[in-house]
Amino acid sequence: MAGEGEKKPVLEMIQADGADEGCVTFVLHDEDHTLGNSLRYMIMKTLDVEFCGYTITHPSESKINFRIQTRGERNPCRFIFFNLLFPIQSPQITAAHHMKGF
């Protein structure tokens, strides 16, 4: 837990001891269904993904537990998650960058 004055992490990766890289839970802080559902939809379109889902722990918390399970270790969950997460965010960053002058 982040103490006073410390910045809490935006993203955490949780993996059970001894588990392979084909089954990982990511915790996204300060996010809601907007990112969770979009990301789940895009990840489920990936052929190597066997299961993908997310939960929001409580309506008053803005935290998502995002679970991915892949078929085998050819495409680890980390690789799939980060390759799909950043293209979703980059149009917003680009738009914010272009609107900076306005």
Protein backbone atom coordinates (compact mmCIF):
# COMPACT_ATOMS: atom_id res chain seq x y z
CA MET A 1 0.00 0.00 0.00
CA ALA A 2 1.33 3.43 -0.88
CA GLY A 3 2.02 5.67 2.08
CA GLU A 4 1.33 9.37 2.27
CA GLY A 5 3.34 11.21 -0.37
CA GLU A 6 4.06 8.02 -2.31
CA LYS A 7 2.52 7.46 -5.70
CA LYS A 8 0.65 4.15 -5.98
CA PRO A 9 1.32 2.00 -9.06
CA VAL A 10 -1.06 2.30 -11.98
CA LEU A 11 -0.55 -1.32 -13.02
CA GLU A 12 0.40 -4.48 -11.13
CA MET A 13 0.99 -7.97 -12.46
CA ILE A 14 0.03 -10.86 -10.16
CA GLN A 15 1.11 -14.39 -10.94
CA ALA A 16 0.76 -17.43 -8.68
CA ASP A 17 3.96 -19.10 -7.51
CA GLY A 18 4.96 -21.84 -9.91
CA ALA A 19 2.38 -20.78 -12.53
CA ASP A 20 3.41 -20.48 -16.14
CA GLU A 21 3.25 -17.21 -18.08
CA GLY A 22 0.03 -18.33 -19.71
CA CYS A 23 -2.14 -17.35 -16.75
CA VAL A 24 -1.77 -13.87 -15.23
CA THR A 25 -3.92 -11.32 -13.39
CA PHE A 26 -3.27 -7.63 -13.97
CA VAL A 27 -4.55 -5.01 -11.53
CA LEU A 28 -5.29 -1.63 -13.12
CA HIS A 29 -5.79 1.23 -10.67
CA ASP A 30 -7.93 4.31 -11.40
CA GLU A 31 -9.78 2.60 -14.27
CA ASP A 32 -13.36 1.46 -14.84
CA HIS A 33 -15.55 -0.48 -17.28
CA THR A 34 -14.62 1.84 -20.16
CA LEU A 35 -11.08 0.48 -20.41
CA GLY A 36 -11.90 -2.96 -18.98
CA ASN A 37 -14.56 -3.89 -21.53
CA SER A 38 -12.64 -2.43 -24.50
CA LEU A 39 -9.48 -4.26 -23.54
CA ARG A 40 -11.32 -7.54 -22.90
CA TYR A 41 -12.98 -7.32 -26.31
CA MET A 42 -9.67 -6.76 -28.12
CA ILE A 43 -7.81 -9.46 -26.20
CA MET A 44 -10.54 -12.05 -26.85
CA LYS A 45 -10.02 -11.52 -30.59
CA THR A 46 -6.47 -12.88 -30.19
CA LEU A 47 -6.37 -16.54 -31.27
CA ASP A 48 -3.98 -17.67 -28.51
CA VAL A 49 -6.28 -16.44 -25.73
CA GLU A 50 -8.32 -19.13 -24.01
CA PHE A 51 -9.94 -16.94 -21.33
CA CYS A 52 -10.11 -13.23 -20.62
CA GLY A 53 -12.27 -11.43 -18.09
CA TYR A 54 -12.26 -8.63 -15.57
CA THR A 55 -13.96 -7.65 -12.35
CA ILE A 56 -14.29 -4.40 -10.50
CA THR A 57 -13.81 -5.23 -6.84
CA HIS A 58 -16.36 -2.73 -5.50
CA PRO A 59 -18.38 0.12 -7.05
CA SER A 60 -16.65 2.68 -4.81
CA GLU A 61 -13.18 1.52 -5.92
CA SER A 62 -11.70 2.37 -9.29
CA LYS A 63 -9.64 -0.80 -9.59
CA ILE A 64 -9.91 -3.59 -12.17
CA ASN A 65 -8.71 -7.18 -11.74
CA PHE A 66 -8.03 -8.30 -15.30
CA ARG A 67 -7.33 -12.02 -15.92
CA ILE A 68 -5.84 -13.54 -19.08
CA GLN A 69 -5.21 -17.21 -19.82
CA THR A 70 -3.51 -18.29 -23.04
CA ARG A 71 -3.10 -21.60 -24.83
CA GLY A 72 0.47 -22.70 -24.18
CA GLU A 73 3.47 -20.43 -23.72
CA ARG A 74 3.91 -19.30 -27.32
CA ASN A 75 2.37 -15.91 -26.54
CA PRO A 76 2.72 -15.05 -22.84
CA CYS A 77 -0.06 -12.99 -21.28
CA ARG A 78 2.30 -10.06 -20.69
CA PHE A 79 3.04 -9.81 -24.41
CA ILE A 80 -0.64 -9.90 -25.42
CA PHE A 81 -1.72 -7.45 -22.70
CA PHE A 82 0.89 -4.77 -23.33
CA ASN A 83 0.70 -4.97 -27.12
CA LEU A 84 -3.04 -4.35 -27.00
CA LEU A 85 -3.08 -1.85 -24.12
CA PHE A 86 -0.79 0.75 -25.62
CA PRO A 87 -2.49 1.10 -29.05
CA ILE A 88 -5.78 1.79 -27.24
CA GLN A 89 -4.17 4.62 -25.27
CA SER A 90 -2.04 6.15 -28.04
CA PRO A 91 -4.92 7.85 -29.96
CA GLN A 92 -5.89 9.66 -26.74
CA ILE A 93 -2.31 10.70 -26.13
CA THR A 94 -1.99 11.88 -29.73
CA ALA A 95 -5.26 13.82 -29.53
CA ALA A 96 -4.23 15.41 -26.22
CA HIS A 97 -0.87 16.35 -27.74
CA HIS A 98 -2.49 18.01 -30.78
CA MET A 99 -5.07 19.84 -28.67
CA LYS A 100 -2.43 21.19 -26.33
CA GLY A 101 -2.15 24.41 -28.35
CA PHE A 102 -5.89 25.14 -28.21
